[in-house]
């Protein structure tokens, strides 16, 4: 759904150079879908594998709805699919109304 390719299984732990940080901070988005932004700025990346260890104490601050809203934000910010869908539905509605 997006021109940005997100690699599966990549976590949010990052080491970034000052150039990468400066490029990200220059973006004017208020709600930031970080996974796509890290890909979009276009710097080279190295992926390191590590063993995932479940958390021992506490719980995540991410509820289902927070994750859902974060996903919608990513879809709206980095995809033209919602705009295309709105155009097709609007054009279809106009055709239906003109045929009445």
PDB file of N, CA and C in Angstrom:
ATOM      1  N   UNK A   1       0.801  -1.195   0.000  1.00  0.00           N
ATOM      2  CA  UNK A   1       0.000   0.000   0.000  1.00  0.00           C
ATOM      3  C   UNK A   1       0.845   1.261   0.000  1.00  0.00           C
ATOM      4  N   UNK A   2       2.141   1.108   0.159  1.00  0.00           N
ATOM      5  CA  UNK A   2       3.014   2.266   0.252  1.00  0.00           C
ATOM      6  C   UNK A   2       4.232   2.064  -0.632  1.00  0.00           C
ATOM      7  N   UNK A   3       4.810   3.170  -1.058  1.00  0.00           N
ATOM      8  CA  UNK A   3       6.049   3.099  -1.833  1.00  0.00           C
ATOM      9  C   UNK A   3       7.248   2.835  -0.927  1.00  0.00           C
ATOM     10  N   UNK A   4       7.071   3.024   0.369  1.00  0.00           N
ATOM     11  CA  UNK A   4       8.122   2.766   1.354  1.00  0.00           C
ATOM     12  C   UNK A   4       8.094   1.282   1.696  1.00  0.00           C
ATOM     13  N   UNK A   5       9.215   0.626   1.582  1.00  0.00           N
ATOM     14  CA  UNK A   5       9.303  -0.795   1.901  1.00  0.00           C
ATOM     15  C   UNK A   5       9.790  -0.963   3.348  1.00  0.00           C
ATOM     16  N   UNK A   6       8.949  -1.570   4.174  1.00  0.00           N
ATOM     17  CA  UNK A   6       9.315  -1.815   5.568  1.00  0.00           C
ATOM     18  C   UNK A   6       9.735  -3.267   5.714  1.00  0.00           C
ATOM     19  N   UNK A   7      10.935  -3.477   6.196  1.00  0.00           N
ATOM     20  CA  UNK A   7      11.461  -4.826   6.372  1.00  0.00           C
ATOM     21  C   UNK A   7      10.774  -5.480   7.572  1.00  0.00           C
ATOM     22  N   UNK A   8      10.312  -6.688   7.393  1.00  0.00           N
ATOM     23  CA  UNK A   8       9.604  -7.406   8.449  1.00  0.00           C
ATOM     24  C   UNK A   8      10.541  -7.761   9.603  1.00  0.00           C
ATOM     25  N   UNK A   9      10.033  -7.618  10.824  1.00  0.00           N
ATOM     26  CA  UNK A   9      10.781  -8.020  12.006  1.00  0.00           C
ATOM     27  C   UNK A   9      11.769  -7.005  12.533  1.00  0.00           C
ATOM     28  N   UNK A  10      11.876  -5.853  11.878  1.00  0.00           N
ATOM     29  CA  UNK A  10      12.818  -4.829  12.336  1.00  0.00           C
ATOM     30  C   UNK A  10      12.227  -4.130  13.555  1.00  0.00           C
ATOM     31  N   UNK A  11      13.008  -4.000  14.592  1.00  0.00           N
ATOM     32  CA  UNK A  11      12.562  -3.366  15.839  1.00  0.00           C
ATOM     33  C   UNK A  11      12.875  -1.873  15.820  1.00  0.00           C
ATOM     34  N   UNK A  12      12.532  -1.201  16.887  1.00  0.00           N
ATOM     35  CA  UNK A  12      12.718   0.241  16.959  1.00  0.00           C
ATOM     36  C   UNK A  12      14.027   0.671  17.607  1.00  0.00           C
ATOM     37  N   UNK A  13      14.910  -0.241  17.916  1.00  0.00           N
ATOM     38  CA  UNK A  13      16.206   0.125  18.485  1.00  0.00           C
ATOM     39  C   UNK A  13      17.109   0.585  17.350  1.00  0.00           C
ATOM     40  N   UNK A  14      17.692   1.783  17.497  1.00  0.00           N
ATOM     41  CA  UNK A  14      18.494   2.343  16.432  1.00  0.00           C
ATOM     42  C   UNK A  14      19.720   3.063  17.001  1.00  0.00           C
ATOM     43  N   UNK A  15      20.813   2.977  16.282  1.00  0.00           N
ATOM     44  CA  UNK A  15      21.969   3.848  16.473  1.00  0.00           C
ATOM     45  C   UNK A  15      22.002   4.721  15.223  1.00  0.00           C
ATOM     46  N   UNK A  16      22.007   6.027  15.398  1.00  0.00           N
ATOM     47  CA  UNK A  16      21.949   6.920  14.244  1.00  0.00           C
ATOM     48  C   UNK A  16      23.071   7.946  14.317  1.00  0.00           C
ATOM     49  N   UNK A  17      23.580   8.283  13.152  1.00  0.00           N
ATOM     50  CA  UNK A  17      24.572   9.351  13.082  1.00  0.00           C
ATOM     51  C   UNK A  17      23.866  10.698  13.231  1.00  0.00           C
ATOM     52  N   UNK A  18      24.631  11.731  13.465  1.00  0.00           N
ATOM     53  CA  UNK A  18      24.058  13.066  13.602  1.00  0.00           C
ATOM     54  C   UNK A  18      23.345  13.490  12.320  1.00  0.00           C
ATOM     55  N   UNK A  19      23.861  13.064  11.181  1.00  0.00           N
ATOM     56  CA  UNK A  19      23.226  13.407   9.902  1.00  0.00           C
ATOM     57  C   UNK A  19      21.823  12.831   9.782  1.00  0.00           C
ATOM     58  N   UNK A  20      21.652  11.597  10.232  1.00  0.00           N
ATOM     59  CA  UNK A  20      20.334  10.957  10.199  1.00  0.00           C
ATOM     60  C   UNK A  20      19.384  11.689  11.146  1.00  0.00           C
ATOM     61  N   UNK A  21      19.845  11.972  12.349  1.00  0.00           N
ATOM     62  CA  UNK A  21      19.016  12.670  13.336  1.00  0.00           C
ATOM     63  C   UNK A  21      18.609  14.040  12.807  1.00  0.00           C
ATOM     64  N   UNK A  22      19.547  14.772  12.221  1.00  0.00           N
ATOM     65  CA  UNK A  22      19.235  16.094  11.672  1.00  0.00           C
ATOM     66  C   UNK A  22      18.202  15.999  10.549  1.00  0.00           C
ATOM     67  N   UNK A  23      18.326  14.995   9.688  1.00  0.00           N
ATOM     68  CA  UNK A  23      17.372  14.818   8.590  1.00  0.00           C
ATOM     69  C   UNK A  23      15.975  14.521   9.126  1.00  0.00           C
ATOM     70  N   UNK A  24      15.881  13.699  10.156  1.00  0.00           N
ATOM     71  CA  UNK A  24      14.580  13.366  10.741  1.00  0.00           C
ATOM     72  C   UNK A  24      13.973  14.587  11.429  1.00  0.00           C
ATOM     73  N   UNK A  25      14.798  15.354  12.129  1.00  0.00           N
ATOM     74  CA  UNK A  25      14.294  16.530  12.840  1.00  0.00           C
ATOM     75  C   UNK A  25      13.849  17.646  11.898  1.00  0.00           C
ATOM     76  N   UNK A  26      14.338  17.639  10.659  1.00  0.00           N
ATOM     77  CA  UNK A  26      13.916  18.643   9.686  1.00  0.00           C
ATOM     78  C   UNK A  26      12.516  18.380   9.155  1.00  0.00           C
ATOM     79  N   UNK A  27      11.997  17.164   9.338  1.00  0.00           N
ATOM     80  CA  UNK A  27      10.647  16.843   8.868  1.00  0.00           C
ATOM     81  C   UNK A  27       9.631  17.557   9.742  1.00  0.00           C
ATOM     82  N   UNK A  28       8.564  18.015   9.122  1.00  0.00           N
ATOM     83  CA  UNK A  28       7.595  18.827   9.856  1.00  0.00           C
ATOM     84  C   UNK A  28       6.373  18.050  10.345  1.00  0.00           C
ATOM     85  N   UNK A  29       6.367  16.733  10.208  1.00  0.00           N
ATOM     86  CA  UNK A  29       5.211  15.954  10.659  1.00  0.00           C
ATOM     87  C   UNK A  29       5.023  16.091  12.165  1.00  0.00           C
ATOM     88  N   UNK A  30       3.769  16.193  12.572  1.00  0.00           N
ATOM     89  CA  UNK A  30       3.463  16.245  13.997  1.00  0.00           C
ATOM     90  C   UNK A  30       3.369  14.823  14.552  1.00  0.00           C
ATOM     91  N   UNK A  31       2.569  13.985  13.889  1.00  0.00           N
ATOM     92  CA  UNK A  31       2.468  12.571  14.260  1.00  0.00           C
ATOM     93  C   UNK A  31       3.470  11.833  13.389  1.00  0.00           C
ATOM     94  N   UNK A  32       4.424  11.209  14.004  1.00  0.00           N
ATOM     95  CA  UNK A  32       5.508  10.601  13.228  1.00  0.00           C
ATOM     96  C   UNK A  32       5.422   9.083  13.261  1.00  0.00           C
ATOM     97  N   UNK A  33       5.231   8.476  12.098  1.00  0.00           N
ATOM     98  CA  UNK A  33       5.279   7.030  11.948  1.00  0.00           C
ATOM     99  C   UNK A  33       6.750   6.672  11.750  1.00  0.00           C
ATOM    100  N   UNK A  34       7.432   6.445  12.864  1.00  0.00           N
ATOM    101  CA  UNK A  34       8.896   6.353  12.867  1.00  0.00           C
ATOM    102  C   UNK A  34       9.438   5.238  11.977  1.00  0.00           C
ATOM    103  N   UNK A  35       8.775   4.087  11.928  1.00  0.00           N
ATOM    104  CA  UNK A  35       9.308   2.985  11.115  1.00  0.00           C
ATOM    105  C   UNK A  35       9.482   3.404   9.657  1.00  0.00           C
ATOM    106  N   UNK A  36       8.521   4.122   9.101  1.00  0.00           N
ATOM    107  CA  UNK A  36       8.621   4.562   7.709  1.00  0.00           C
ATOM    108  C   UNK A  36       9.585   5.741   7.569  1.00  0.00           C
ATOM    109  N   UNK A  37       9.603   6.629   8.551  1.00  0.00           N
ATOM    110  CA  UNK A  37      10.505   7.787   8.474  1.00  0.00           C
ATOM    111  C   UNK A  37      11.959   7.324   8.421  1.00  0.00           C
ATOM    112  N   UNK A  38      12.317   6.313   9.219  1.00  0.00           N
ATOM    113  CA  UNK A  38      13.690   5.808   9.210  1.00  0.00           C
ATOM    114  C   UNK A  38      14.058   5.267   7.834  1.00  0.00           C
ATOM    115  N   UNK A  39      13.113   4.677   7.122  1.00  0.00           N
ATOM    116  CA  UNK A  39      13.369   4.182   5.768  1.00  0.00           C
ATOM    117  C   UNK A  39      13.378   5.327   4.762  1.00  0.00           C
ATOM    118  N   UNK A  40      12.481   6.269   4.940  1.00  0.00           N
ATOM    119  CA  UNK A  40      12.257   7.327   3.967  1.00  0.00           C
ATOM    120  C   UNK A  40      13.419   8.309   3.852  1.00  0.00           C
ATOM    121  N   UNK A  41      14.116   8.581   4.952  1.00  0.00           N
ATOM    122  CA  UNK A  41      15.202   9.575   4.904  1.00  0.00           C
ATOM    123  C   UNK A  41      16.367   9.120   4.033  1.00  0.00           C
ATOM    124  N   UNK A  42      16.471   7.816   3.781  1.00  0.00           N
ATOM    125  CA  UNK A  42      17.356   7.323   2.743  1.00  0.00           C
ATOM    126  C   UNK A  42      18.806   7.069   3.085  1.00  0.00           C
ATOM    127  N   UNK A  43      19.164   6.993   4.325  1.00  0.00           N
ATOM    128  CA  UNK A  43      20.550   6.682   4.675  1.00  0.00           C
ATOM    129  C   UNK A  43      20.763   5.167   4.648  1.00  0.00           C
ATOM    130  N   UNK A  44      22.019   4.751   4.526  1.00  0.00           N
ATOM    131  CA  UNK A  44      22.299   3.315   4.516  1.00  0.00           C
ATOM    132  C   UNK A  44      22.068   2.730   5.907  1.00  0.00           C
ATOM    133  N   UNK A  45      21.709   1.454   5.932  1.00  0.00           N
ATOM    134  CA  UNK A  45      21.370   0.778   7.179  1.00  0.00           C
ATOM    135  C   UNK A  45      22.094  -0.553   7.284  1.00  0.00           C
ATOM    136  N   UNK A  46      22.363  -0.940   8.495  1.00  0.00           N
ATOM    137  CA  UNK A  46      22.904  -2.274   8.787  1.00  0.00           C
ATOM    138  C   UNK A  46      21.959  -2.896   9.809  1.00  0.00           C
ATOM    139  N   UNK A  47      21.521  -4.121   9.545  1.00  0.00           N
ATOM    140  CA  UNK A  47      20.620  -4.817  10.451  1.00  0.00           C
ATOM    141  C   UNK A  47      21.400  -5.853  11.246  1.00  0.00           C
ATOM    142  N   UNK A  48      21.218  -5.859  12.534  1.00  0.00           N
ATOM    143  CA  UNK A  48      21.859  -6.832  13.411  1.00  0.00           C
ATOM    144  C   UNK A  48      20.788  -7.703  14.045  1.00  0.00           C
ATOM    145  N   UNK A  49      20.987  -9.004  13.983  1.00  0.00           N
ATOM    146  CA  UNK A  49      20.029  -9.912  14.610  1.00  0.00           C
ATOM    147  C   UNK A  49      20.339 -10.047  16.092  1.00  0.00           C
ATOM    148  N   UNK A  50      19.286 -10.197  16.865  1.00  0.00           N
ATOM    149  CA  UNK A  50      19.451 -10.455  18.292  1.00  0.00           C
ATOM    150  C   UNK A  50      18.262 -11.285  18.759  1.00  0.00           C
ATOM    151  N   UNK A  51      18.438 -11.942  19.862  1.00  0.00           N
ATOM    152  CA  UNK A  51      17.378 -12.794  20.405  1.00  0.00           C
ATOM    153  C   UNK A  51      16.396 -11.931  21.188  1.00  0.00           C
ATOM    154  N   UNK A  52      15.120 -12.036  20.836  1.00  0.00           N
ATOM    155  CA  UNK A  52      14.085 -11.292  21.541  1.00  0.00           C
ATOM    156  C   UNK A  52      13.823 -11.954  22.888  1.00  0.00           C
ATOM    157  N   UNK A  53      13.873 -11.178  23.938  1.00  0.00           N
ATOM    158  CA  UNK A  53      13.597 -11.691  25.283  1.00  0.00           C
ATOM    159  C   UNK A  53      12.348 -10.981  25.799  1.00  0.00           C
ATOM    160  N   UNK A  54      11.285 -11.722  26.111  1.00  0.00           N
ATOM    161  CA  UNK A  54      10.063 -11.079  26.607  1.00  0.00           C
ATOM    162  C   UNK A  54      10.319 -10.295  27.884  1.00  0.00           C
ATOM    163  N   UNK A  55       9.521  -9.271  28.102  1.00  0.00           N
ATOM    164  CA  UNK A  55       9.699  -8.415  29.272  1.00  0.00           C
ATOM    165  C   UNK A  55       9.389  -9.191  30.542  1.00  0.00           C
ATOM    166  N   UNK A  56      10.166  -8.966  31.589  1.00  0.00           N
ATOM    167  CA  UNK A  56       9.996  -9.668  32.861  1.00  0.00           C
ATOM    168  C   UNK A  56       8.990  -8.997  33.769  1.00  0.00           C
ATOM    169  N   UNK A  57       8.905  -7.699  33.715  1.00  0.00           N
ATOM    170  CA  UNK A  57       8.020  -6.979  34.637  1.00  0.00           C
ATOM    171  C   UNK A  57       7.318  -5.850  33.907  1.00  0.00           C
ATOM    172  N   UNK A  58       6.173  -5.458  34.415  1.00  0.00           N
ATOM    173  CA  UNK A  58       5.431  -4.354  33.828  1.00  0.00           C
ATOM    174  C   UNK A  58       4.712  -4.766  32.567  1.00  0.00           C
ATOM    175  N   UNK A  59       4.105  -3.797  31.943  1.00  0.00           N
ATOM    176  CA  UNK A  59       3.397  -4.079  30.697  1.00  0.00           C
ATOM    177  C   UNK A  59       3.634  -2.938  29.716  1.00  0.00           C
ATOM    178  N   UNK A  60       3.371  -3.208  28.469  1.00  0.00           N
ATOM    179  CA  UNK A  60       3.580  -2.223  27.427  1.00  0.00           C
ATOM    180  C   UNK A  60       2.585  -1.076  27.585  1.00  0.00           C
ATOM    181  N   UNK A  61       2.991   0.110  27.193  1.00  0.00           N
ATOM    182  CA  UNK A  61       2.100   1.258  27.195  1.00  0.00           C
ATOM    183  C   UNK A  61       1.263   1.326  25.927  1.00  0.00           C
ATOM    184  N   UNK A  62       1.498   0.384  25.000  1.00  0.00           N
ATOM    185  CA  UNK A  62       0.779   0.359  23.739  1.00  0.00           C
ATOM    186  C   UNK A  62      -0.441  -0.545  23.857  1.00  0.00           C
ATOM    187  N   UNK A  63      -1.624   0.034  23.861  1.00  0.00           N
ATOM    188  CA  UNK A  63      -2.857  -0.746  23.847  1.00  0.00           C
ATOM    189  C   UNK A  63      -3.180  -1.096  22.394  1.00  0.00           C
ATOM    190  N   UNK A  64      -4.185  -1.921  22.198  1.00  0.00           N
ATOM    191  CA  UNK A  64      -4.613  -2.268  20.840  1.00  0.00           C
ATOM    192  C   UNK A  64      -4.981  -1.005  20.070  1.00  0.00           C
ATOM    193  N   UNK A  65      -5.738  -0.112  20.687  1.00  0.00           N
ATOM    194  CA  UNK A  65      -6.204   1.087  20.000  1.00  0.00           C
ATOM    195  C   UNK A  65      -5.061   2.046  19.682  1.00  0.00           C
ATOM    196  N   UNK A  66      -4.077   2.153  20.556  1.00  0.00           N
ATOM    197  CA  UNK A  66      -2.923   3.005  20.268  1.00  0.00           C
ATOM    198  C   UNK A  66      -2.153   2.454  19.061  1.00  0.00           C
ATOM    199  N   UNK A  67      -1.970   1.128  19.025  1.00  0.00           N
ATOM    200  CA  UNK A  67      -1.295   0.509  17.885  1.00  0.00           C
ATOM    201  C   UNK A  67      -2.108   0.660  16.610  1.00  0.00           C
ATOM    202  N   UNK A  68      -3.437   0.535  16.721  1.00  0.00           N
ATOM    203  CA  UNK A  68      -4.321   0.693  15.568  1.00  0.00           C
ATOM    204  C   UNK A  68      -4.210   2.108  15.004  1.00  0.00           C
ATOM    205  N   UNK A  69      -4.264   3.121  15.882  1.00  0.00           N
ATOM    206  CA  UNK A  69      -4.148   4.511  15.440  1.00  0.00           C
ATOM    207  C   UNK A  69      -2.776   4.787  14.839  1.00  0.00           C
ATOM    208  N   UNK A  70      -1.731   4.185  15.395  1.00  0.00           N
ATOM    209  CA  UNK A  70      -0.374   4.326  14.869  1.00  0.00           C
ATOM    210  C   UNK A  70      -0.294   3.727  13.457  1.00  0.00           C
ATOM    211  N   UNK A  71      -0.910   2.587  13.265  1.00  0.00           N
ATOM    212  CA  UNK A  71      -0.933   1.960  11.944  1.00  0.00           C
ATOM    213  C   UNK A  71      -1.698   2.789  10.923  1.00  0.00           C
ATOM    214  N   UNK A  72      -2.841   3.355  11.335  1.00  0.00           N
ATOM    215  CA  UNK A  72      -3.616   4.222  10.442  1.00  0.00           C
ATOM    216  C   UNK A  72      -2.801   5.462  10.079  1.00  0.00           C
ATOM    217  N   UNK A  73      -2.107   6.019  11.053  1.00  0.00           N
ATOM    218  CA  UNK A  73      -1.250   7.180  10.803  1.00  0.00           C
ATOM    219  C   UNK A  73      -0.190   6.851   9.747  1.00  0.00           C
ATOM    220  N   UNK A  74       0.418   5.671   9.855  1.00  0.00           N
ATOM    221  CA  UNK A  74       1.401   5.247   8.865  1.00  0.00           C
ATOM    222  C   UNK A  74       0.788   5.076   7.491  1.00  0.00           C
ATOM    223  N   UNK A  75      -0.411   4.519   7.443  1.00  0.00           N
ATOM    224  CA  UNK A  75      -1.098   4.320   6.169  1.00  0.00           C
ATOM    225  C   UNK A  75      -1.433   5.654   5.516  1.00  0.00           C
ATOM    226  N   UNK A  76      -1.910   6.599   6.292  1.00  0.00           N
ATOM    227  CA  UNK A  76      -2.283   7.904   5.748  1.00  0.00           C
ATOM    228  C   UNK A  76      -1.050   8.718   5.363  1.00  0.00           C
ATOM    229  N   UNK A  77      -0.001   8.645   6.166  1.00  0.00           N
ATOM    230  CA  UNK A  77       1.176   9.471   5.927  1.00  0.00           C
ATOM    231  C   UNK A  77       2.063   8.983   4.790  1.00  0.00           C
ATOM    232  N   UNK A  78       2.131   7.683   4.574  1.00  0.00           N
ATOM    233  CA  UNK A  78       3.098   7.147   3.611  1.00  0.00           C
ATOM    234  C   UNK A  78       2.462   6.321   2.505  1.00  0.00           C
ATOM    235  N   UNK A  79       1.175   6.565   2.219  1.00  0.00           N
ATOM    236  CA  UNK A  79       0.505   5.827   1.167  1.00  0.00           C
ATOM    237  C   UNK A  79      -0.460   6.735   0.434  1.00  0.00           C
ATOM    238  N   UNK A  80      -0.568   6.532  -0.872  1.00  0.00           N
ATOM    239  CA  UNK A  80      -1.561   7.261  -1.653  1.00  0.00           C
ATOM    240  C   UNK A  80      -2.864   6.483  -1.771  1.00  0.00           C
ATOM    241  N   UNK A  81      -2.913   5.284  -1.214  1.00  0.00           N
ATOM    242  CA  UNK A  81      -4.105   4.449  -1.314  1.00  0.00           C
ATOM    243  C   UNK A  81      -5.355   5.116  -0.740  1.00  0.00           C
ATOM    244  N   UNK A  82      -5.331   5.758   0.443  1.00  0.00           N
ATOM    245  CA  UNK A  82      -6.554   6.407   0.938  1.00  0.00           C
ATOM    246  C   UNK A  82      -7.048   7.517   0.010  1.00  0.00           C
ATOM    247  N   UNK A  83      -6.136   8.279  -0.596  1.00  0.00           N
ATOM    248  CA  UNK A  83      -6.522   9.337  -1.521  1.00  0.00           C
ATOM    249  C   UNK A  83      -7.136   8.739  -2.786  1.00  0.00           C
ATOM    250  N   UNK A  84      -6.542   7.685  -3.293  1.00  0.00           N
ATOM    251  CA  UNK A  84      -7.096   7.013  -4.478  1.00  0.00           C
ATOM    252  C   UNK A  84      -8.487   6.456  -4.185  1.00  0.00           C
ATOM    253  N   UNK A  85      -8.655   5.835  -3.032  1.00  0.00           N
ATOM    254  CA  UNK A  85      -9.947   5.272  -2.648  1.00  0.00           C
ATOM    255  C   UNK A  85     -11.003   6.367  -2.539  1.00  0.00           C
ATOM    256  N   UNK A  86     -10.656   7.501  -1.919  1.00  0.00           N
ATOM    257  CA  UNK A  86     -11.597   8.624  -1.802  1.00  0.00           C
ATOM    258  C   UNK A  86     -11.973   9.152  -3.183  1.00  0.00           C
ATOM    259  N   UNK A  87     -11.009   9.239  -4.087  1.00  0.00           N
ATOM    260  CA  UNK A  87     -11.292   9.703  -5.441  1.00  0.00           C
ATOM    261  C   UNK A  87     -12.243   8.753  -6.161  1.00  0.00           C
ATOM    262  N   UNK A  88     -11.975   7.468  -6.082  1.00  0.00           N
ATOM    263  CA  UNK A  88     -12.825   6.484  -6.768  1.00  0.00           C
ATOM    264  C   UNK A  88     -14.243   6.502  -6.205  1.00  0.00           C
ATOM    265  N   UNK A  89     -14.365   6.546  -4.872  1.00  0.00           N
ATOM    266  CA  UNK A  89     -15.699   6.594  -4.263  1.00  0.00           C
ATOM    267  C   UNK A  89     -16.429   7.883  -4.634  1.00  0.00           C
ATOM    268  N   UNK A  90     -15.730   9.012  -4.627  1.00  0.00           N
ATOM    269  CA  UNK A  90     -16.346  10.285  -5.009  1.00  0.00           C
ATOM    270  C   UNK A  90     -16.759  10.302  -6.465  1.00  0.00           C
ATOM    271  N   UNK A  91     -15.905   9.800  -7.332  1.00  0.00           N
ATOM    272  CA  UNK A  91     -16.227   9.744  -8.764  1.00  0.00           C
ATOM    273  C   UNK A  91     -17.415   8.819  -8.994  1.00  0.00           C
ATOM    274  N   UNK A  92     -17.443   7.687  -8.309  1.00  0.00           N
ATOM    275  CA  UNK A  92     -18.575   6.757  -8.427  1.00  0.00           C
ATOM    276  C   UNK A  92     -19.868   7.393  -7.946  1.00  0.00           C
ATOM    277  N   UNK A  93     -19.801   8.157  -6.845  1.00  0.00           N
ATOM    278  CA  UNK A  93     -20.994   8.832  -6.325  1.00  0.00           C
ATOM    279  C   UNK A  93     -21.508   9.868  -7.321  1.00  0.00           C
ATOM    280  N   UNK A  94     -20.600  10.600  -7.967  1.00  0.00           N
ATOM    281  CA  UNK A  94     -21.012  11.584  -8.967  1.00  0.00           C
ATOM    282  C   UNK A  94     -21.691  10.893 -10.145  1.00  0.00           C
ATOM    283  N   UNK A  95     -21.141   9.768 -10.594  1.00  0.00           N
ATOM    284  CA  UNK A  95     -21.755   9.041 -11.704  1.00  0.00           C
ATOM    285  C   UNK A  95     -23.141   8.532 -11.332  1.00  0.00           C
ATOM    286  N   UNK A  96     -23.316   8.046 -10.110  1.00  0.00           N
ATOM    287  CA  UNK A  96     -24.616   7.575  -9.667  1.00  0.00           C
ATOM    288  C   UNK A  96     -25.605   8.730  -9.605  1.00  0.00           C
ATOM    289  N   UNK A  97     -25.201   9.858  -9.075  1.00  0.00           N
ATOM    290  CA  UNK A  97     -26.089  11.024  -8.970  1.00  0.00           C
ATOM    291  C   UNK A  97     -26.440  11.603 -10.336  1.00  0.00           C
ATOM    292  N   UNK A  98     -25.517  11.568 -11.273  1.00  0.00           N
ATOM    293  CA  UNK A  98     -25.806  12.067 -12.625  1.00  0.00           C
ATOM    294  C   UNK A  98     -26.759  11.158 -13.389  1.00  0.00           C
ATOM    295  N   UNK A  99     -26.757   9.883 -13.054  1.00  0.00           N
ATOM    296  CA  UNK A  99     -27.628   8.934 -13.764  1.00  0.00           C
ATOM    297  C   UNK A  99     -29.057   8.920 -13.205  1.00  0.00           C
ATOM    298  N   UNK A 100     -29.282   9.612 -12.101  1.00  0.00           N
ATOM    299  CA  UNK A 100     -30.633   9.645 -11.508  1.00  0.00           C
ATOM    300  C   UNK A 100     -31.500  10.647 -12.212  1.00  0.00           C
TER     301      UNK A 100
END
